[in-house]
């Protein structure tokens, strides 16, 4: 099984109510060619996106990815908390750097 990971960050306030769907669609389209190549080589593929908004909003459609990847409910709860807290931390760091100019 092959797994590709890429993070996507966006602001729900700027992108609007369809931000999750639009981001998911763009990410899936981005990897369509890789998915096709892997399928041609005989690999089973699963192309989806795992989306967390820039302020820590968690896309409910991520639950399908969690189930598909067979992540246990206990670990999924921890994983969500870690991902959301990381996104908030990263965005805070970006904001502080932008305001102060200090990395």
Protein backbone atom coordinates (compact mmCIF):
# COMPACT_ATOMS: atom_id res chain seq x y z
CA UNK A 1 0.00 0.00 0.00
CA UNK A 2 1.28 3.43 -0.87
CA UNK A 3 0.31 6.58 1.03
CA UNK A 4 0.97 10.13 -0.09
CA UNK A 5 0.67 12.93 2.42
CA UNK A 6 0.39 16.64 1.83
CA UNK A 7 -1.02 19.26 4.12
CA UNK A 8 -3.43 21.95 3.00
CA UNK A 9 -4.14 25.04 4.99
CA UNK A 10 -6.90 27.56 4.36
CA UNK A 11 -9.10 29.96 6.23
CA UNK A 12 -12.81 29.16 6.41
CA UNK A 13 -13.55 32.86 6.91
CA UNK A 14 -11.79 33.80 3.66
CA UNK A 15 -12.76 30.78 1.58
CA UNK A 16 -16.43 30.59 2.54
CA UNK A 17 -18.74 27.72 3.42
CA UNK A 18 -17.56 25.47 0.58
CA UNK A 19 -13.88 25.66 1.56
CA UNK A 20 -13.64 22.05 2.71
CA UNK A 21 -15.27 20.67 -0.43
CA UNK A 22 -13.23 22.88 -2.77
CA UNK A 23 -9.95 22.04 -1.04
CA UNK A 24 -10.74 18.31 -1.03
CA UNK A 25 -11.63 18.41 -4.75
CA UNK A 26 -8.42 20.27 -5.67
CA UNK A 27 -6.22 17.89 -3.66
CA UNK A 28 -7.86 14.81 -5.19
CA UNK A 29 -7.47 16.27 -8.70
CA UNK A 30 -3.81 17.03 -8.02
CA UNK A 31 -3.03 13.35 -7.43
CA UNK A 32 -5.28 11.82 -10.11
CA UNK A 33 -2.36 11.22 -12.49
CA UNK A 34 -0.28 9.50 -9.79
CA UNK A 35 -3.29 7.38 -8.87
CA UNK A 36 -3.73 6.36 -12.53
CA UNK A 37 -0.03 5.45 -12.90
CA UNK A 38 -0.11 3.33 -9.75
CA UNK A 39 -3.29 1.57 -10.89
CA UNK A 40 -1.69 0.80 -14.25
CA UNK A 41 1.17 -0.86 -12.35
CA UNK A 42 -1.31 -3.04 -10.48
CA UNK A 43 -1.47 -1.18 -7.16
CA UNK A 44 -4.70 -0.67 -5.30
CA UNK A 45 -5.17 3.04 -4.70
CA UNK A 46 -7.27 5.30 -2.52
CA UNK A 47 -7.24 8.99 -3.43
CA UNK A 48 -8.75 11.33 -0.87
CA UNK A 49 -7.75 14.33 1.21
CA UNK A 50 -7.52 14.92 4.93
CA UNK A 51 -8.43 18.55 5.61
CA UNK A 52 -7.86 20.70 8.69
CA UNK A 53 -8.60 24.43 8.43
CA UNK A 54 -6.03 27.06 9.36
CA UNK A 55 -7.73 27.80 12.68
CA UNK A 56 -8.11 24.13 13.56
CA UNK A 57 -11.50 23.38 12.02
CA UNK A 58 -11.76 19.66 11.28
CA UNK A 59 -13.56 18.56 8.12
CA UNK A 60 -16.24 15.97 8.98
CA UNK A 61 -15.48 14.20 5.67
CA UNK A 62 -12.11 13.23 7.19
CA UNK A 63 -13.98 10.50 9.05
CA UNK A 64 -14.24 8.50 5.80
CA UNK A 65 -10.43 8.63 5.46
CA UNK A 66 -10.01 7.52 9.06
CA UNK A 67 -12.27 4.52 8.50
CA UNK A 68 -10.65 3.67 5.16
CA UNK A 69 -7.17 3.76 6.72
CA UNK A 70 -8.44 1.53 9.57
CA UNK A 71 -7.34 3.93 12.27
CA UNK A 72 -8.73 2.83 15.62
CA UNK A 73 -11.26 5.14 17.28
CA UNK A 74 -8.98 5.67 20.26
CA UNK A 75 -6.02 6.70 18.11
CA UNK A 76 -8.26 8.75 15.78
CA UNK A 77 -9.32 10.88 18.75
CA UNK A 78 -5.70 11.50 19.72
CA UNK A 79 -4.68 12.10 16.09
CA UNK A 80 -7.40 14.75 15.63
CA UNK A 81 -6.28 16.60 18.76
CA UNK A 82 -2.63 16.49 17.68
CA UNK A 83 -3.37 17.63 14.13
CA UNK A 84 -5.60 20.49 15.21
CA UNK A 85 -3.15 21.68 17.87
CA UNK A 86 -0.26 21.50 15.36
CA UNK A 87 -2.18 23.57 12.80
CA UNK A 88 -3.02 26.19 15.42
CA UNK A 89 0.61 26.28 16.59
CA UNK A 90 1.98 26.61 13.04
CA UNK A 91 -0.42 29.43 12.24
CA UNK A 92 0.38 31.22 15.47
CA UNK A 93 4.09 30.96 14.64
CA UNK A 94 3.46 32.38 11.15
CA UNK A 95 1.44 35.25 12.62
CA UNK A 96 4.08 36.07 15.25
CA UNK A 97 6.83 35.99 12.63
CA UNK A 98 4.78 38.24 10.35
CA UNK A 99 4.06 40.78 13.10
CA UNK A 100 7.48 40.81 14.78
CA UNK A 101 9.78 39.76 11.95
CA UNK A 102 11.39 37.22 14.33
CA UNK A 103 11.56 33.56 13.33
